[in-house]
């Protein structure tokens, strides 16, 4: 069942406008979550804020946000001061510009959202914008107030719909040159590359959801189900296989291919 949209507004390109709805493309609602309980009573434990120096409980009305500017030195900000800088959403995704799809590297992509028409009358305008981006192999760039901040977003045509990606802020992405810049220009020889490609070919499959399943959560659900029935299920930790010391890349590749063949 499709979840309800968390944002409704308009998609706009120059004078072309249509009503749209935005829904997060991912969800964590199915994750196993735990509460902390009192073992003796079975009751939930409630967390409280306490003063780090006096150890006394702090009432909610006495809590305030603080920005640290030095050791034990903070600038205090009231809630109304923080709210005052929040931008008002215009409820419009106004596409400012377009850029080639391949120009935006994956590292800038943050959270995906599904964008769909919210009115049958606007479906034609939505389809025109979507198909035009597909034909020109471009993505749209706009700005939108989401999660209490104005963010740059990327509109990517995907099938019959559009995926809206929030983009990371410039100060959130580290320069890869600081990490990859000192790596050497070593190029493996042809025989080594041929063996590696053969190993990769043997493990290549079409993408499916099972590739990113969560075996830990599946095991937890088994334990929970067993406890519901009054049984105690063994929860022995899995033994991890320690990698052996590689003496020769060619030897390691040959042994890997031989093991793959036995499988």
Protein backbone atom coordinates (compact mmCIF):
# COMPACT_ATOMS: atom_id res chain seq x y z
CA UNK A 1 0.00 0.00 0.00
CA UNK A 2 1.34 3.42 -0.97
CA UNK A 3 1.96 5.73 1.98
CA UNK A 4 0.34 9.14 2.21
CA UNK A 5 2.34 12.08 0.77
CA UNK A 6 4.03 14.31 3.33
CA UNK A 7 4.14 17.36 1.02
CA UNK A 8 1.76 18.77 -1.57
CA UNK A 9 2.35 21.75 -3.82
CA UNK A 10 3.12 22.65 -7.42
CA UNK A 11 5.72 21.76 -10.01
CA UNK A 12 6.56 24.79 -12.12
CA UNK A 13 8.66 25.36 -15.21
CA UNK A 14 8.27 28.90 -16.54
CA UNK A 15 4.49 29.16 -17.21
CA UNK A 16 3.87 25.39 -17.10
CA UNK A 17 2.45 24.41 -13.69
CA UNK A 18 0.81 21.31 -12.24
CA UNK A 19 -0.19 20.15 -8.73
CA UNK A 20 2.08 17.43 -7.34
CA UNK A 21 2.58 15.29 -4.26
CA UNK A 22 5.89 14.29 -2.68
CA UNK A 23 6.48 11.08 -0.70
CA UNK A 24 9.75 9.73 0.78
CA UNK A 25 11.00 6.87 -1.39
CA UNK A 26 12.55 5.02 1.56
CA UNK A 27 11.22 3.95 4.94
CA UNK A 28 12.67 2.58 8.18
CA UNK A 29 9.30 1.72 9.73
CA UNK A 30 9.89 -2.03 9.20
CA UNK A 31 13.11 -2.06 11.23
CA UNK A 32 13.13 -3.98 14.51
CA UNK A 33 13.15 -1.42 17.31
CA UNK A 34 13.61 -2.01 21.03
CA UNK A 35 12.51 -0.19 24.16
CA UNK A 36 14.63 -0.21 27.32
CA UNK A 37 12.76 -1.89 30.17
CA UNK A 38 13.20 -2.38 33.89
CA UNK A 39 14.12 -6.07 34.16
CA UNK A 40 12.51 -6.33 37.62
CA UNK A 41 9.10 -4.81 36.73
CA UNK A 42 8.91 -5.08 32.95
CA UNK A 43 8.03 -1.39 32.75
CA UNK A 44 9.55 1.00 30.20
CA UNK A 45 12.37 3.25 31.37
CA UNK A 46 11.90 6.99 30.75
CA UNK A 47 14.96 9.07 29.97
CA UNK A 48 15.40 12.47 31.61
CA UNK A 49 17.76 15.40 31.10
CA UNK A 50 19.97 16.20 34.08
CA UNK A 51 22.43 19.00 34.70
CA UNK A 52 25.92 17.72 33.85
CA UNK A 53 27.43 19.54 36.86
CA UNK A 54 24.78 19.46 39.61
CA UNK A 55 23.24 16.12 38.57
CA UNK A 56 19.76 17.56 39.18
CA UNK A 57 16.86 16.97 36.78
CA UNK A 58 16.15 19.83 34.35
CA UNK A 59 12.50 20.72 33.67
CA UNK A 60 11.44 21.03 30.04
CA UNK A 61 10.74 24.76 30.34
CA UNK A 62 14.34 25.30 31.47
CA UNK A 63 15.89 23.57 28.45
CA UNK A 64 17.47 25.86 25.83
CA UNK A 65 19.62 25.38 22.72
CA UNK A 66 23.27 26.41 23.01
CA UNK A 67 26.06 26.90 20.46
CA UNK A 68 29.51 26.11 21.88
CA UNK A 69 32.13 28.79 21.24
CA UNK A 70 34.70 27.66 23.79
CA UNK A 71 35.23 25.32 26.71
CA UNK A 72 32.17 25.63 28.98
CA UNK A 73 31.18 28.72 27.00
CA UNK A 74 27.91 28.70 25.04
CA UNK A 75 25.73 31.17 23.15
CA UNK A 76 22.10 30.50 24.12
CA UNK A 77 19.35 30.73 21.48
CA UNK A 78 15.64 30.84 22.22
CA UNK A 79 13.22 28.74 20.12
CA UNK A 80 11.66 31.84 18.56
CA UNK A 81 15.12 33.05 17.47
CA UNK A 82 15.75 29.72 15.73
CA UNK A 83 12.29 29.68 14.15
CA UNK A 84 12.80 33.23 12.85
CA UNK A 85 15.48 32.11 10.38
CA UNK A 86 13.39 29.23 9.02
CA UNK A 87 12.21 29.99 5.48
CA UNK A 88 8.56 29.78 4.55
CA UNK A 89 7.83 27.19 1.89
CA UNK A 90 6.20 28.59 -1.23
CA UNK A 91 4.78 25.11 -1.90
CA UNK A 92 6.28 25.35 -5.36
CA UNK A 93 9.10 23.36 -6.92
CA UNK A 94 10.24 25.98 -9.42
CA UNK A 95 12.85 24.44 -11.73
CA UNK A 96 15.59 27.05 -12.03
CA UNK A 97 17.87 25.24 -14.47
CA UNK A 98 18.75 21.93 -16.07
CA UNK A 99 22.07 20.10 -16.13
CA UNK A 100 23.31 16.91 -17.85
CA UNK A 101 22.34 13.87 -15.80
CA UNK A 102 25.93 12.61 -15.50
CA UNK A 103 27.26 15.95 -14.21
CA UNK A 104 25.99 15.36 -10.66
CA UNK A 105 28.07 12.73 -8.88
CA UNK A 106 26.41 10.19 -6.59
CA UNK A 107 28.03 11.66 -3.47
CA UNK A 108 25.81 14.77 -3.71
CA UNK A 109 22.59 12.72 -3.59
CA UNK A 110 20.99 12.64 -0.14
CA UNK A 111 17.38 11.44 0.23
CA UNK A 112 15.09 10.25 -2.59
CA UNK A 113 11.39 11.15 -2.84
CA UNK A 114 8.70 10.13 -5.31
CA UNK A 115 7.01 13.02 -7.12
CA UNK A 116 3.62 12.29 -8.70
CA UNK A 117 0.77 14.36 -10.19
CA UNK A 118 -1.84 15.27 -7.59
CA UNK A 119 -4.62 16.10 -10.05
CA UNK A 120 -5.68 14.38 -13.31
CA UNK A 121 -5.86 17.80 -14.98
CA UNK A 122 -2.14 18.38 -14.35
CA UNK A 123 -0.95 14.98 -15.60
CA UNK A 124 -0.23 16.26 -19.12
CA UNK A 125 2.00 19.10 -17.87
CA UNK A 126 3.77 16.65 -15.52
CA UNK A 127 4.35 14.19 -18.40
CA UNK A 128 5.72 16.91 -20.69
CA UNK A 129 8.32 18.02 -18.12
CA UNK A 130 9.24 14.40 -17.29
CA UNK A 131 9.58 13.21 -20.89
CA UNK A 132 11.47 16.32 -21.99
CA UNK A 133 14.12 15.64 -19.33
CA UNK A 134 14.31 12.01 -20.43
CA UNK A 135 14.77 12.97 -24.08
CA UNK A 136 17.44 15.57 -23.35
CA UNK A 137 19.14 13.34 -20.71
CA UNK A 138 19.01 16.18 -18.21
CA UNK A 139 17.86 16.64 -14.63
CA UNK A 140 16.18 19.68 -13.14
CA UNK A 141 17.58 21.72 -10.27
CA UNK A 142 15.28 23.62 -7.91
CA UNK A 143 15.12 24.81 -4.30
CA UNK A 144 12.59 23.65 -1.75
CA UNK A 145 12.05 24.01 2.00
CA UNK A 146 12.29 20.48 3.43
CA UNK A 147 13.07 19.25 6.92
CA UNK A 148 13.11 22.86 8.19
CA UNK A 149 15.84 23.97 5.78
CA UNK A 150 15.85 25.33 2.26
CA UNK A 151 17.60 22.73 0.15
CA UNK A 152 18.70 22.31 -3.42
CA UNK A 153 16.88 19.38 -5.01
CA UNK A 154 17.43 17.40 -8.20
CA UNK A 155 14.48 16.20 -10.29
CA UNK A 156 15.29 12.95 -12.11
CA UNK A 157 12.78 11.34 -14.52
CA UNK A 158 12.20 7.70 -13.59
CA UNK A 159 9.69 5.63 -15.54
CA UNK A 160 6.26 7.26 -15.31
CA UNK A 161 7.27 9.46 -12.40
CA UNK A 162 9.98 11.78 -11.17
CA UNK A 163 12.40 11.17 -8.31
CA UNK A 164 13.27 14.26 -6.27
CA UNK A 165 16.66 13.94 -4.59
CA UNK A 166 17.61 16.35 -1.84
CA UNK A 167 21.22 17.39 -2.47
CA UNK A 168 23.86 17.62 0.22
CA UNK A 169 25.12 21.05 1.19
CA UNK A 170 28.54 22.09 -0.07
CA UNK A 171 30.16 21.89 3.37
CA UNK A 172 28.92 18.30 3.84
CA UNK A 173 30.95 16.77 1.00
CA UNK A 174 34.66 16.21 1.60
CA UNK A 175 37.12 16.72 -1.23
CA UNK A 176 38.18 13.24 -2.48
CA UNK A 177 41.59 14.56 -3.46
CA UNK A 178 42.52 14.68 0.23
CA UNK A 179 42.08 10.88 0.35
CA UNK A 180 42.85 9.65 -3.18
CA UNK A 181 45.37 12.27 -4.28
CA UNK A 182 48.45 10.48 -2.91
CA UNK A 183 47.61 7.08 -4.37
CA UNK A 184 50.05 5.82 -6.96
CA UNK A 185 49.37 5.25 -10.67
CA UNK A 186 49.95 1.49 -10.51
CA UNK A 187 48.29 -0.38 -13.39
CA UNK A 188 47.90 -4.19 -13.05
CA UNK A 189 49.31 -6.29 -15.89
CA UNK A 190 47.03 -7.85 -18.50
CA UNK A 191 47.06 -11.48 -17.19
CA UNK A 192 46.11 -10.29 -13.69
CA UNK A 193 43.27 -8.15 -15.06
CA UNK A 194 41.97 -11.06 -17.17
CA UNK A 195 41.76 -13.32 -14.11
CA UNK A 196 40.07 -10.61 -12.06
CA UNK A 197 37.53 -9.95 -14.83
CA UNK A 198 36.79 -13.67 -15.03
CA UNK A 199 36.19 -13.74 -11.27
CA UNK A 200 33.86 -10.74 -11.55
CA UNK A 201 31.98 -12.26 -14.50
CA UNK A 202 31.31 -15.40 -12.48
CA UNK A 203 29.69 -13.36 -9.71
CA UNK A 204 27.72 -10.93 -11.87
CA UNK A 205 23.93 -11.07 -11.48
CA UNK A 206 21.02 -8.78 -12.24
CA UNK A 207 20.05 -6.51 -9.37
CA UNK A 208 17.25 -7.57 -7.01
CA UNK A 209 16.04 -6.62 -3.54
CA UNK A 210 17.48 -9.73 -1.90
CA UNK A 211 20.98 -8.34 -2.44
CA UNK A 212 20.37 -5.79 0.31
CA UNK A 213 18.33 -7.89 2.73
CA UNK A 214 19.12 -7.64 6.45
CA UNK A 215 20.02 -11.11 7.83
CA UNK A 216 20.54 -9.69 11.32
CA UNK A 217 16.98 -8.37 11.43
CA UNK A 218 15.64 -11.66 10.03
CA UNK A 219 17.43 -13.53 12.83
CA UNK A 220 16.04 -11.11 15.44
CA UNK A 221 12.52 -11.66 14.13
CA UNK A 222 13.02 -15.43 14.44
CA UNK A 223 14.12 -15.02 18.06
CA UNK A 224 11.15 -12.73 18.82
CA UNK A 225 8.72 -15.17 17.20
CA UNK A 226 10.17 -18.07 19.21
CA UNK A 227 9.88 -16.11 22.46
CA UNK A 228 6.24 -15.30 21.68
CA UNK A 229 5.61 -19.06 21.56
CA UNK A 230 7.46 -19.55 24.83
CA UNK A 231 10.55 -21.14 23.30
CA UNK A 232 14.11 -20.01 23.77
CA UNK A 233 15.96 -19.74 20.46
CA UNK A 234 19.73 -20.06 20.30
CA UNK A 235 21.43 -16.78 19.46
CA UNK A 236 25.05 -17.88 19.13
CA UNK A 237 27.16 -15.27 17.37
CA UNK A 238 28.30 -16.07 13.86
CA UNK A 239 31.98 -16.81 13.39
CA UNK A 240 33.63 -14.48 10.91
CA UNK A 241 36.12 -15.88 8.43
CA UNK A 242 39.48 -14.21 8.80
CA UNK A 243 41.18 -13.42 5.47
CA UNK A 244 44.48 -15.16 4.91
CA UNK A 245 47.70 -13.37 4.10
CA UNK A 246 47.98 -12.70 0.36
CA UNK A 247 51.44 -13.57 -0.96
CA UNK A 248 50.68 -13.33 -4.67
CA UNK A 249 47.74 -11.66 -6.38
CA UNK A 250 47.91 -14.19 -9.24
CA UNK A 251 47.92 -17.14 -6.83
CA UNK A 252 44.99 -15.65 -4.90
CA UNK A 253 43.02 -15.15 -8.13
CA UNK A 254 43.72 -18.68 -9.35
CA UNK A 255 42.64 -20.17 -6.01
CA UNK A 256 39.53 -17.95 -6.02
CA UNK A 257 38.54 -19.11 -9.51
CA UNK A 258 39.13 -22.74 -8.54
CA UNK A 259 36.88 -22.34 -5.49
CA UNK A 260 34.19 -20.66 -7.62
CA UNK A 261 34.32 -23.62 -10.04
CA UNK A 262 33.82 -26.09 -7.17
CA UNK A 263 30.74 -24.12 -6.06
